[in-house]
PDB file of all heavy atoms in Angstrom:
ATOM      1  N   THR A   1      89.560  86.699  98.756  1.00  0.00           N
ATOM      2  CA  THR A   1      88.204  86.703  99.278  1.00  0.00           C
ATOM      3  C   THR A   1      88.220  87.226 100.716  1.00  0.00           C
ATOM      4  O   THR A   1      89.267  87.398 101.323  1.00  0.00           O
ATOM      5  CB  THR A   1      87.612  85.285  99.269  1.00  0.00           C
ATOM      6  OG1 THR A   1      88.420  84.431 100.109  1.00  0.00           O
ATOM      7  CG2 THR A   1      87.549  84.715  97.873  1.00  0.00           C
ATOM      8  N   GLY A   2      87.040  87.447 101.243  1.00  0.00           N
ATOM      9  CA  GLY A   2      86.941  87.897 102.627  1.00  0.00           C
ATOM     10  C   GLY A   2      86.658  89.377 102.733  1.00  0.00           C
ATOM     11  O   GLY A   2      86.081  89.999 101.830  1.00  0.00           O
ATOM     12  N   LEU A   3      87.084  89.944 103.838  1.00  0.00           N
ATOM     13  CA  LEU A   3      86.721  91.321 104.166  1.00  0.00           C
ATOM     14  C   LEU A   3      87.274  92.320 103.157  1.00  0.00           C
ATOM     15  O   LEU A   3      88.471  92.345 102.870  1.00  0.00           O
ATOM     16  CB  LEU A   3      87.238  91.658 105.566  1.00  0.00           C
ATOM     17  CG  LEU A   3      86.869  93.042 106.104  1.00  0.00           C
ATOM     18  CD1 LEU A   3      85.358  93.186 106.265  1.00  0.00           C
ATOM     19  CD2 LEU A   3      87.557  93.284 107.442  1.00  0.00           C
ATOM     20  N   ALA A   4      86.387  93.166 102.649  1.00  0.00           N
ATOM     21  CA  ALA A   4      86.792  94.246 101.754  1.00  0.00           C
ATOM     22  C   ALA A   4      86.649  95.600 102.427  1.00  0.00           C
ATOM     23  O   ALA A   4      87.475  96.486 102.210  1.00  0.00           O
ATOM     24  CB  ALA A   4      85.969  94.217 100.464  1.00  0.00           C
ATOM     25  N   GLU A   5      85.610  95.775 103.231  1.00  0.00           N
ATOM     26  CA  GLU A   5      85.334  97.107 103.779  1.00  0.00           C
ATOM     27  C   GLU A   5      84.411  97.013 104.984  1.00  0.00           C
ATOM     28  O   GLU A   5      83.534  96.145 105.046  1.00  0.00           O
ATOM     29  CB  GLU A   5      84.671  97.964 102.694  1.00  0.00           C
ATOM     30  CG  GLU A   5      84.405  99.393 103.063  1.00  0.00           C
ATOM     31  CD  GLU A   5      83.844 100.171 101.887  1.00  0.00           C
ATOM     32  OE1 GLU A   5      84.576 100.361 100.891  1.00  0.00           O
ATOM     33  OE2 GLU A   5      82.663 100.579 101.957  1.00  0.00           O
ATOM     34  N   VAL A   6      84.628  97.914 105.934  1.00  0.00           N
ATOM     35  CA  VAL A   6      83.733  98.075 107.079  1.00  0.00           C
ATOM     36  C   VAL A   6      83.177  99.487 107.039  1.00  0.00           C
ATOM     37  O   VAL A   6      83.935 100.462 106.986  1.00  0.00           O
ATOM     38  CB  VAL A   6      84.465  97.847 108.416  1.00  0.00           C
ATOM     39  CG1 VAL A   6      83.512  98.103 109.599  1.00  0.00           C
ATOM     40  CG2 VAL A   6      85.036  96.434 108.487  1.00  0.00           C
ATOM     41  N   GLY A   7      81.858  99.604 107.048  1.00  0.00           N
ATOM     42  CA  GLY A   7      81.219 100.908 107.118  1.00  0.00           C
ATOM     43  C   GLY A   7      80.915 101.264 108.557  1.00  0.00           C
ATOM     44  O   GLY A   7      80.377 100.448 109.308  1.00  0.00           O
ATOM     45  N   LEU A   8      81.284 102.477 108.957  1.00  0.00           N
ATOM     46  CA  LEU A   8      81.028 102.964 110.307  1.00  0.00           C
ATOM     47  C   LEU A   8      80.244 104.262 110.224  1.00  0.00           C
ATOM     48  O   LEU A   8      80.641 105.185 109.503  1.00  0.00           O
ATOM     49  CB  LEU A   8      82.338 103.205 111.065  1.00  0.00           C
ATOM     50  CG  LEU A   8      83.215 101.990 111.349  1.00  0.00           C
ATOM     51  CD1 LEU A   8      84.579 102.439 111.874  1.00  0.00           C
ATOM     52  CD2 LEU A   8      82.535 101.064 112.358  1.00  0.00           C
ATOM     53  N   LEU A   9      79.148 104.344 110.950  1.00  0.00           N
ATOM     54  CA  LEU A   9      78.391 105.584 111.049  1.00  0.00           C
ATOM     55  C   LEU A   9      78.955 106.410 112.185  1.00  0.00           C
ATOM     56  O   LEU A   9      79.163 105.903 113.286  1.00  0.00           O
ATOM     57  CB  LEU A   9      76.908 105.278 111.302  1.00  0.00           C
ATOM     58  CG  LEU A   9      76.202 104.462 110.223  1.00  0.00           C
ATOM     59  CD1 LEU A   9      74.780 104.118 110.662  1.00  0.00           C
ATOM     60  CD2 LEU A   9      76.186 105.207 108.896  1.00  0.00           C
ATOM     61  N   THR A  10      79.221 107.684 111.919  1.00  0.00           N
ATOM     62  CA  THR A  10      79.870 108.540 112.911  1.00  0.00           C
ATOM     63  C   THR A  10      79.176 109.895 112.970  1.00  0.00           C
ATOM     64  O   THR A  10      78.549 110.335 112.005  1.00  0.00           O
ATOM     65  CB  THR A  10      81.350 108.784 112.549  1.00  0.00           C
ATOM     66  OG1 THR A  10      81.417 109.572 111.347  1.00  0.00           O
ATOM     67  CG2 THR A  10      82.085 107.487 112.319  1.00  0.00           C
ATOM     68  N   ASP A  11      79.340 110.558 114.104  1.00  0.00           N
ATOM     69  CA  ASP A  11      78.864 111.939 114.169  1.00  0.00           C
ATOM     70  C   ASP A  11      79.946 112.862 113.611  1.00  0.00           C
ATOM     71  O   ASP A  11      81.109 112.482 113.452  1.00  0.00           O
ATOM     72  CB  ASP A  11      78.439 112.331 115.586  1.00  0.00           C
ATOM     73  CG  ASP A  11      79.562 112.257 116.614  1.00  0.00           C
ATOM     74  OD1 ASP A  11      80.713 112.619 116.275  1.00  0.00           O
ATOM     75  OD2 ASP A  11      79.298 111.857 117.755  1.00  0.00           O
ATOM     76  N   GLY A  12      79.555 114.080 113.286  1.00  0.00           N
ATOM     77  CA  GLY A  12      80.468 115.006 112.614  1.00  0.00           C
ATOM     78  C   GLY A  12      81.686 115.355 113.432  1.00  0.00           C
ATOM     79  O   GLY A  12      82.813 115.438 112.909  1.00  0.00           O
ATOM     80  N   GLU A  13      81.505 115.552 114.729  1.00  0.00           N
ATOM     81  CA  GLU A  13      82.632 115.926 115.597  1.00  0.00           C
ATOM     82  C   GLU A  13      83.656 114.806 115.668  1.00  0.00           C
ATOM     83  O   GLU A  13      84.869 115.038 115.584  1.00  0.00           O
ATOM     84  CB  GLU A  13      82.102 116.261 116.988  1.00  0.00           C
ATOM     85  CG  GLU A  13      83.179 116.694 117.970  1.00  0.00           C
ATOM     86  CD  GLU A  13      82.608 117.038 119.333  1.00  0.00           C
ATOM     87  OE1 GLU A  13      81.360 117.115 119.470  1.00  0.00           O
ATOM     88  OE2 GLU A  13      83.397 117.236 120.279  1.00  0.00           O
ATOM     89  N   THR A  14      83.182 113.579 115.808  1.00  0.00           N
ATOM     90  CA  THR A  14      84.084 112.427 115.887  1.00  0.00           C
ATOM     91  C   THR A  14      84.847 112.241 114.585  1.00  0.00           C
ATOM     92  O   THR A  14      86.055 111.983 114.576  1.00  0.00           O
ATOM     93  CB  THR A  14      83.271 111.162 116.209  1.00  0.00           C
ATOM     94  OG1 THR A  14      82.627 111.336 117.474  1.00  0.00           O
ATOM     95  CG2 THR A  14      84.158 109.934 116.251  1.00  0.00           C
ATOM     96  N   ARG A  15      84.145 112.388 113.467  1.00  0.00           N
ATOM     97  CA  ARG A  15      84.779 112.232 112.149  1.00  0.00           C
ATOM     98  C   ARG A  15      85.810 113.319 111.910  1.00  0.00           C
ATOM     99  O   ARG A  15      86.915 113.058 111.399  1.00  0.00           O
ATOM    100  CB  ARG A  15      83.695 112.242 111.070  1.00  0.00           C
ATOM    101  CG  ARG A  15      84.106 111.659 109.746  1.00  0.00           C
ATOM    102  CD  ARG A  15      82.909 111.376 108.854  1.00  0.00           C
ATOM    103  NE  ARG A  15      82.081 112.547 108.597  1.00  0.00           N
ATOM    104  CZ  ARG A  15      80.907 112.781 109.193  1.00  0.00           C
ATOM    105  NH1 ARG A  15      80.419 111.930 110.076  1.00  0.00           N
ATOM    106  NH2 ARG A  15      80.197 113.859 108.894  1.00  0.00           N
ATOM    107  N   ALA A  16      85.497 114.555 112.293  1.00  0.00           N
ATOM    108  CA  ALA A  16      86.439 115.660 112.105  1.00  0.00           C
ATOM    109  C   ALA A  16      87.694 115.461 112.943  1.00  0.00           C
ATOM    110  O   ALA A  16      88.818 115.709 112.484  1.00  0.00           O
ATOM    111  CB  ALA A  16      85.758 116.980 112.461  1.00  0.00           C
ATOM    112  N   ALA A  17      87.523 114.999 114.177  1.00  0.00           N
ATOM    113  CA  ALA A  17      88.681 114.776 115.048  1.00  0.00           C
ATOM    114  C   ALA A  17      89.556 113.654 114.501  1.00  0.00           C
ATOM    115  O   ALA A  17      90.796 113.734 114.529  1.00  0.00           O
ATOM    116  CB  ALA A  17      88.207 114.454 116.458  1.00  0.00           C
ATOM    117  N   ALA A  18      88.925 112.596 113.978  1.00  0.00           N
ATOM    118  CA  ALA A  18      89.694 111.500 113.394  1.00  0.00           C
ATOM    119  C   ALA A  18      90.459 111.975 112.168  1.00  0.00           C
ATOM    120  O   ALA A  18      91.611 111.574 111.944  1.00  0.00           O
ATOM    121  CB  ALA A  18      88.758 110.347 113.028  1.00  0.00           C
ATOM    122  N   ARG A  19      89.832 112.826 111.371  1.00  0.00           N
ATOM    123  CA  ARG A  19      90.496 113.367 110.186  1.00  0.00           C
ATOM    124  C   ARG A  19      91.768 114.114 110.572  1.00  0.00           C
ATOM    125  O   ARG A  19      92.831 113.908 109.972  1.00  0.00           O
ATOM    126  CB  ARG A  19      89.551 114.300 109.437  1.00  0.00           C
ATOM    127  CG  ARG A  19      90.159 114.903 108.171  1.00  0.00           C
ATOM    128  CD  ARG A  19      89.271 115.990 107.576  1.00  0.00           C
ATOM    129  NE  ARG A  19      87.975 115.474 107.132  1.00  0.00           N
ATOM    130  CZ  ARG A  19      86.826 115.741 107.707  1.00  0.00           C
ATOM    131  NH1 ARG A  19      86.785 116.528 108.790  1.00  0.00           N
ATOM    132  NH2 ARG A  19      85.705 115.254 107.231  1.00  0.00           N
ATOM    133  N   VAL A  20      91.690 114.963 111.572  1.00  0.00           N
ATOM    134  CA  VAL A  20      92.849 115.755 112.011  1.00  0.00           C
ATOM    135  C   VAL A  20      93.947 114.840 112.527  1.00  0.00           C
ATOM    136  O   VAL A  20      95.130 114.989 112.174  1.00  0.00           O
ATOM    137  CB  VAL A  20      92.430 116.771 113.083  1.00  0.00           C
ATOM    138  CG1 VAL A  20      93.660 117.420 113.710  1.00  0.00           C
ATOM    139  CG2 VAL A  20      91.510 117.834 112.475  1.00  0.00           C
ATOM    140  N   ARG A  21      93.592 113.885 113.380  1.00  0.00           N
ATOM    141  CA  ARG A  21      94.613 113.001 113.957  1.00  0.00           C
ATOM    142  C   ARG A  21      95.281 112.150 112.882  1.00  0.00           C
ATOM    143  O   ARG A  21      96.499 111.940 112.919  1.00  0.00           O
ATOM    144  CB  ARG A  21      93.983 112.123 115.042  1.00  0.00           C
ATOM    145  CG  ARG A  21      93.637 112.878 116.326  1.00  0.00           C
ATOM    146  CD  ARG A  21      93.277 111.932 117.455  1.00  0.00           C
ATOM    147  NE  ARG A  21      92.055 111.197 117.189  1.00  0.00           N
ATOM    148  CZ  ARG A  21      90.862 111.515 117.645  1.00  0.00           C
ATOM    149  NH1 ARG A  21      90.725 112.615 118.409  1.00  0.00           N
ATOM    150  NH2 ARG A  21      89.800 110.784 117.367  1.00  0.00           N
ATOM    151  N   CYS A  22      94.499 111.652 111.920  1.00  0.00           N
ATOM    152  CA  CYS A  22      95.092 110.842 110.844  1.00  0.00           C
ATOM    153  C   CYS A  22      96.050 111.682 109.999  1.00  0.00           C
ATOM    154  O   CYS A  22      97.153 111.227 109.659  1.00  0.00           O
ATOM    155  CB  CYS A  22      93.988 110.252 109.963  1.00  0.00           C
ATOM    156  SG  CYS A  22      93.087 108.874 110.710  1.00  0.00           S
ATOM    157  N   ARG A  23      95.647 112.897 109.667  1.00  0.00           N
ATOM    158  CA  ARG A  23      96.522 113.762 108.881  1.00  0.00           C
ATOM    159  C   ARG A  23      97.797 114.100 109.645  1.00  0.00           C
ATOM    160  O   ARG A  23      98.902 114.082 109.087  1.00  0.00           O
ATOM    161  CB  ARG A  23      95.772 115.036 108.500  1.00  0.00           C
ATOM    162  CG  ARG A  23      94.794 114.835 107.347  1.00  0.00           C
ATOM    163  CD  ARG A  23      94.075 116.116 107.015  1.00  0.00           C
ATOM    164  NE  ARG A  23      93.304 115.985 105.774  1.00  0.00           N
ATOM    165  CZ  ARG A  23      92.417 116.852 105.357  1.00  0.00           C
ATOM    166  NH1 ARG A  23      92.155 117.942 106.087  1.00  0.00           N
ATOM    167  NH2 ARG A  23      91.768 116.671 104.226  1.00  0.00           N
ATOM    168  N   ASP A  24      97.668 114.403 110.925  1.00  0.00           N
ATOM    169  CA  ASP A  24      98.847 114.734 111.732  1.00  0.00           C
ATOM    170  C   ASP A  24      99.801 113.555 111.831  1.00  0.00           C
ATOM    171  O   ASP A  24     101.023 113.738 111.945  1.00  0.00           O
ATOM    172  CB  ASP A  24      98.418 115.176 113.136  1.00  0.00           C
ATOM    173  CG  ASP A  24      97.768 116.553 113.151  1.00  0.00           C
ATOM    174  OD1 ASP A  24      97.845 117.258 112.118  1.00  0.00           O
ATOM    175  OD2 ASP A  24      97.178 116.918 114.185  1.00  0.00           O
ATOM    176  N   ALA A  25      99.245 112.333 111.798  1.00  0.00           N
ATOM    177  CA  ALA A  25     100.068 111.131 111.896  1.00  0.00           C
ATOM    178  C   ALA A  25     100.578 110.665 110.537  1.00  0.00           C
ATOM    179  O   ALA A  25     101.313 109.677 110.458  1.00  0.00           O
ATOM    180  CB  ALA A  25      99.261 110.010 112.553  1.00  0.00           C
ATOM    181  N   GLY A  26     100.196 111.362 109.471  1.00  0.00           N
ATOM    182  CA  GLY A  26     100.643 110.985 108.131  1.00  0.00           C
ATOM    183  C   GLY A  26      99.921 109.787 107.558  1.00  0.00           C
ATOM    184  O   GLY A  26     100.422 109.154 106.615  1.00  0.00           O
ATOM    185  N   VAL A  27      98.743 109.467 108.093  1.00  0.00           N
ATOM    186  CA  VAL A  27      97.958 108.345 107.585  1.00  0.00           C
ATOM    187  C   VAL A  27      97.172 108.813 106.357  1.00  0.00           C
ATOM    188  O   VAL A  27      96.472 109.823 106.404  1.00  0.00           O
ATOM    189  CB  VAL A  27      96.996 107.813 108.667  1.00  0.00           C
ATOM    190  CG1 VAL A  27      96.061 106.752 108.089  1.00  0.00           C
ATOM    191  CG2 VAL A  27      97.794 107.234 109.834  1.00  0.00           C
ATOM    192  N   SER A  28      97.288 108.077 105.279  1.00  0.00           N
ATOM    193  CA  SER A  28      96.595 108.435 104.044  1.00  0.00           C
ATOM    194  C   SER A  28      95.093 108.287 104.222  1.00  0.00           C
ATOM    195  O   SER A  28      94.614 107.305 104.801  1.00  0.00           O
ATOM    196  CB  SER A  28      97.075 107.530 102.906  1.00  0.00           C
ATOM    197  OG  SER A  28      96.366 107.810 101.719  1.00  0.00           O
ATOM    198  N   LEU A  29      94.360 109.281 103.734  1.00  0.00           N
ATOM    199  CA  LEU A  29      92.906 109.200 103.792  1.00  0.00           C
ATOM    200  C   LEU A  29      92.309 109.867 102.563  1.00  0.00           C
ATOM    201  O   LEU A  29      92.939 110.688 101.900  1.00  0.00           O
ATOM    202  CB  LEU A  29      92.372 109.835 105.082  1.00  0.00           C
ATOM    203  CG  LEU A  29      92.771 111.273 105.437  1.00  0.00           C
ATOM    204  CD1 LEU A  29      91.872 112.279 104.751  1.00  0.00           C
ATOM    205  CD2 LEU A  29      92.714 111.465 106.942  1.00  0.00           C
ATOM    206  N   VAL A  30      91.085 109.473 102.265  1.00  0.00           N
ATOM    207  CA  VAL A  30      90.359 110.012 101.126  1.00  0.00           C
ATOM    208  C   VAL A  30      89.050 110.592 101.644  1.00  0.00           C
ATOM    209  O   VAL A  30      88.368 109.969 102.466  1.00  0.00           O
ATOM    210  CB  VAL A  30      90.064 108.917 100.078  1.00  0.00           C
ATOM    211  CG1 VAL A  30      89.180 109.458  98.960  1.00  0.00           C
ATOM    212  CG2 VAL A  30      91.366 108.368  99.506  1.00  0.00           C
ATOM    213  N   GLU A  31      88.702 111.784 101.168  1.00  0.00           N
ATOM    214  CA  GLU A  31      87.427 112.383 101.543  1.00  0.00           C
ATOM    215  C   GLU A  31      86.480 112.285 100.355  1.00  0.00           C
ATOM    216  O   GLU A  31      86.764 112.780  99.266  1.00  0.00           O
ATOM    217  CB  GLU A  31      87.629 113.827 101.976  1.00  0.00           C
ATOM    218  CG  GLU A  31      88.482 113.939 103.230  1.00  0.00           C
ATOM    219  CD  GLU A  31      88.474 115.331 103.826  1.00  0.00           C
ATOM    220  OE1 GLU A  31      87.371 115.859 104.061  1.00  0.00           O
ATOM    221  OE2 GLU A  31      89.569 115.872 104.049  1.00  0.00           O
ATOM    222  N   ASP A  32      85.366 111.600 100.583  1.00  0.00           N
ATOM    223  CA  ASP A  32      84.344 111.406  99.563  1.00  0.00           C
ATOM    224  C   ASP A  32      83.092 112.135 100.045  1.00  0.00           C
ATOM    225  O   ASP A  32      82.232 111.563 100.703  1.00  0.00           O
ATOM    226  CB  ASP A  32      84.081 109.912  99.385  1.00  0.00           C
ATOM    227  CG  ASP A  32      83.037 109.613  98.321  1.00  0.00           C
ATOM    228  OD1 ASP A  32      82.632 110.557  97.607  1.00  0.00           O
ATOM    229  OD2 ASP A  32      82.620 108.440  98.213  1.00  0.00           O
ATOM    230  N   GLY A  33      83.011 113.419  99.739  1.00  0.00           N
ATOM    231  CA  GLY A  33      81.949 114.236 100.295  1.00  0.00           C
ATOM    232  C   GLY A  33      82.117 114.326 101.799  1.00  0.00           C
ATOM    233  O   GLY A  33      83.201 114.681 102.292  1.00  0.00           O
ATOM    234  N   ASP A  34      81.096 113.964 102.548  1.00  0.00           N
ATOM    235  CA  ASP A  34      81.176 113.969 104.007  1.00  0.00           C
ATOM    236  C   ASP A  34      81.724 112.667 104.562  1.00  0.00           C
ATOM    237  O   ASP A  34      81.826 112.510 105.778  1.00  0.00           O
ATOM    238  CB  ASP A  34      79.784 114.215 104.605  1.00  0.00           C
ATOM    239  CG  ASP A  34      79.292 115.628 104.363  1.00  0.00           C
ATOM    240  OD1 ASP A  34      80.139 116.532 104.212  1.00  0.00           O
ATOM    241  OD2 ASP A  34      78.062 115.821 104.310  1.00  0.00           O
ATOM    242  N   THR A  35      82.076 111.731 103.696  1.00  0.00           N
ATOM    243  CA  THR A  35      82.590 110.428 104.129  1.00  0.00           C
ATOM    244  C   THR A  35      84.110 110.423 104.122  1.00  0.00           C
ATOM    245  O   THR A  35      84.748 110.944 103.206  1.00  0.00           O
ATOM    246  CB  THR A  35      82.056 109.317 103.206  1.00  0.00           C
ATOM    247  OG1 THR A  35      80.634 109.253 103.331  1.00  0.00           O
ATOM    248  CG2 THR A  35      82.654 107.971 103.556  1.00  0.00           C
ATOM    249  N   LEU A  36      84.690 109.831 105.162  1.00  0.00           N
ATOM    250  CA  LEU A  36      86.131 109.716 105.301  1.00  0.00           C
ATOM    251  C   LEU A  36      86.517 108.251 105.103  1.00  0.00           C
ATOM    252  O   LEU A  36      85.959 107.365 105.748  1.00  0.00           O
ATOM    253  CB  LEU A  36      86.549 110.194 106.695  1.00  0.00           C
ATOM    254  CG  LEU A  36      88.034 110.246 107.023  1.00  0.00           C
ATOM    255  CD1 LEU A  36      88.733 111.307 106.195  1.00  0.00           C
ATOM    256  CD2 LEU A  36      88.226 110.522 108.523  1.00  0.00           C
ATOM    257  N   VAL A  37      87.457 107.992 104.185  1.00  0.00           N
ATOM    258  CA  VAL A  37      87.883 106.623 103.894  1.00  0.00           C
ATOM    259  C   VAL A  37      89.346 106.479 104.305  1.00  0.00           C
ATOM    260  O   VAL A  37      90.205 107.246 103.874  1.00  0.00           O
ATOM    261  CB  VAL A  37      87.723 106.288 102.400  1.00  0.00           C
ATOM    262  CG1 VAL A  37      88.104 104.834 102.139  1.00  0.00           C
ATOM    263  CG2 VAL A  37      86.289 106.544 101.949  1.00  0.00           C
ATOM    264  N   VAL A  38      89.623 105.487 105.143  1.00  0.00           N
ATOM    265  CA  VAL A  38      90.971 105.291 105.660  1.00  0.00           C
ATOM    266  C   VAL A  38      91.230 103.797 105.774  1.00  0.00           C
ATOM    267  O   VAL A  38      90.282 102.998 105.875  1.00  0.00           O
ATOM    268  CB  VAL A  38      91.116 105.997 107.044  1.00  0.00           C
ATOM    269  CG1 VAL A  38      90.193 105.366 108.073  1.00  0.00           C
ATOM    270  CG2 VAL A  38      92.556 106.001 107.521  1.00  0.00           C
ATOM    271  N   ARG A  39      92.482 103.399 105.741  1.00  0.00           N
ATOM    272  CA  ARG A  39      92.842 101.994 105.897  1.00  0.00           C
ATOM    273  C   ARG A  39      93.605 101.787 107.192  1.00  0.00           C
ATOM    274  O   ARG A  39      94.445 102.607 107.567  1.00  0.00           O
ATOM    275  CB  ARG A  39      93.695 101.518 104.715  1.00  0.00           C
ATOM    276  CG  ARG A  39      92.924 101.402 103.416  1.00  0.00           C
ATOM    277  CD  ARG A  39      93.712 100.633 102.386  1.00  0.00           C
ATOM    278  NE  ARG A  39      92.932 100.363 101.188  1.00  0.00           N
ATOM    279  CZ  ARG A  39      93.271  99.481 100.261  1.00  0.00           C
ATOM    280  NH1 ARG A  39      94.388  98.790 100.386  1.00  0.00           N
ATOM    281  NH2 ARG A  39      92.504  99.296  99.203  1.00  0.00           N
ATOM    282  N   ASP A  40      93.324 100.666 107.848  1.00  0.00           N
ATOM    283  CA  ASP A  40      94.043 100.364 109.089  1.00  0.00           C
ATOM    284  C   ASP A  40      95.423  99.796 108.752  1.00  0.00           C
ATOM    285  O   ASP A  40      95.761  99.634 107.568  1.00  0.00           O
ATOM    286  CB  ASP A  40      93.192  99.453 109.990  1.00  0.00           C
ATOM    287  CG  ASP A  40      93.232  97.977 109.610  1.00  0.00           C
ATOM    288  OD1 ASP A  40      93.884  97.601 108.621  1.00  0.00           O
ATOM    289  OD2 ASP A  40      92.583  97.189 110.332  1.00  0.00           O
ATOM    290  N   PRO A  41      96.266  99.488 109.734  1.00  0.00           N
ATOM    291  CA  PRO A  41      97.635  99.043 109.434  1.00  0.00           C
ATOM    292  C   PRO A  41      97.732  97.756 108.636  1.00  0.00           C
ATOM    293  O   PRO A  41      98.813  97.437 108.117  1.00  0.00           O
ATOM    294  CB  PRO A  41      98.233  98.860 110.838  1.00  0.00           C
ATOM    295  CG  PRO A  41      97.487  99.817 111.700  1.00  0.00           C
ATOM    296  CD  PRO A  41      96.085  99.772 111.174  1.00  0.00           C
ATOM    297  N   TRP A  42      96.613  97.009 108.481  1.00  0.00           N
ATOM    298  CA  TRP A  42      96.653  95.749 107.725  1.00  0.00           C
ATOM    299  C   TRP A  42      95.870  95.844 106.431  1.00  0.00           C
ATOM    300  O   TRP A  42      95.576  94.830 105.794  1.00  0.00           O
ATOM    301  CB  TRP A  42      96.153  94.606 108.616  1.00  0.00           C
ATOM    302  CG  TRP A  42      97.092  94.462 109.772  1.00  0.00           C
ATOM    303  CD1 TRP A  42      98.278  93.791 109.793  1.00  0.00           C
ATOM    304  CD2 TRP A  42      96.969  95.106 111.030  1.00  0.00           C
ATOM    305  NE1 TRP A  42      98.900  93.966 110.996  1.00  0.00           N
ATOM    306  CE2 TRP A  42      98.117  94.776 111.785  1.00  0.00           C
ATOM    307  CE3 TRP A  42      96.006  95.931 111.611  1.00  0.00           C
ATOM    308  CZ2 TRP A  42      98.317  95.239 113.078  1.00  0.00           C
ATOM    309  CZ3 TRP A  42      96.209  96.399 112.904  1.00  0.00           C
ATOM    310  CH2 TRP A  42      97.344  96.048 113.627  1.00  0.00           C
ATOM    311  N   GLY A  43      95.526  97.066 106.040  1.00  0.00           N
ATOM    312  CA  GLY A  43      94.895  97.271 104.753  1.00  0.00           C
ATOM    313  C   GLY A  43      93.390  97.168 104.734  1.00  0.00           C
ATOM    314  O   GLY A  43      92.779  97.225 103.657  1.00  0.00           O
ATOM    315  N   THR A  44      92.752  97.013 105.886  1.00  0.00           N
ATOM    316  CA  THR A  44      91.292  96.967 105.928  1.00  0.00           C
ATOM    317  C   THR A  44      90.731  98.365 105.708  1.00  0.00           C
ATOM    318  O   THR A  44      91.092  99.302 106.414  1.00  0.00           O
ATOM    319  CB  THR A  44      90.803  96.410 107.277  1.00  0.00           C
ATOM    320  OG1 THR A  44      91.216  95.041 107.398  1.00  0.00           O
ATOM    321  CG2 THR A  44      89.283  96.488 107.387  1.00  0.00           C
TER     322      THR A  44
END
């Protein structure tokens, strides 16, 4: 039980920059249309 997901509203530039940094760092991410889904180091 407890936290499953946090939704964050972002602008396009911020989201694009996060996408690049996560990929460069080898962090797994999923792109769902214009939405970026990523997990933090504890699985959130």
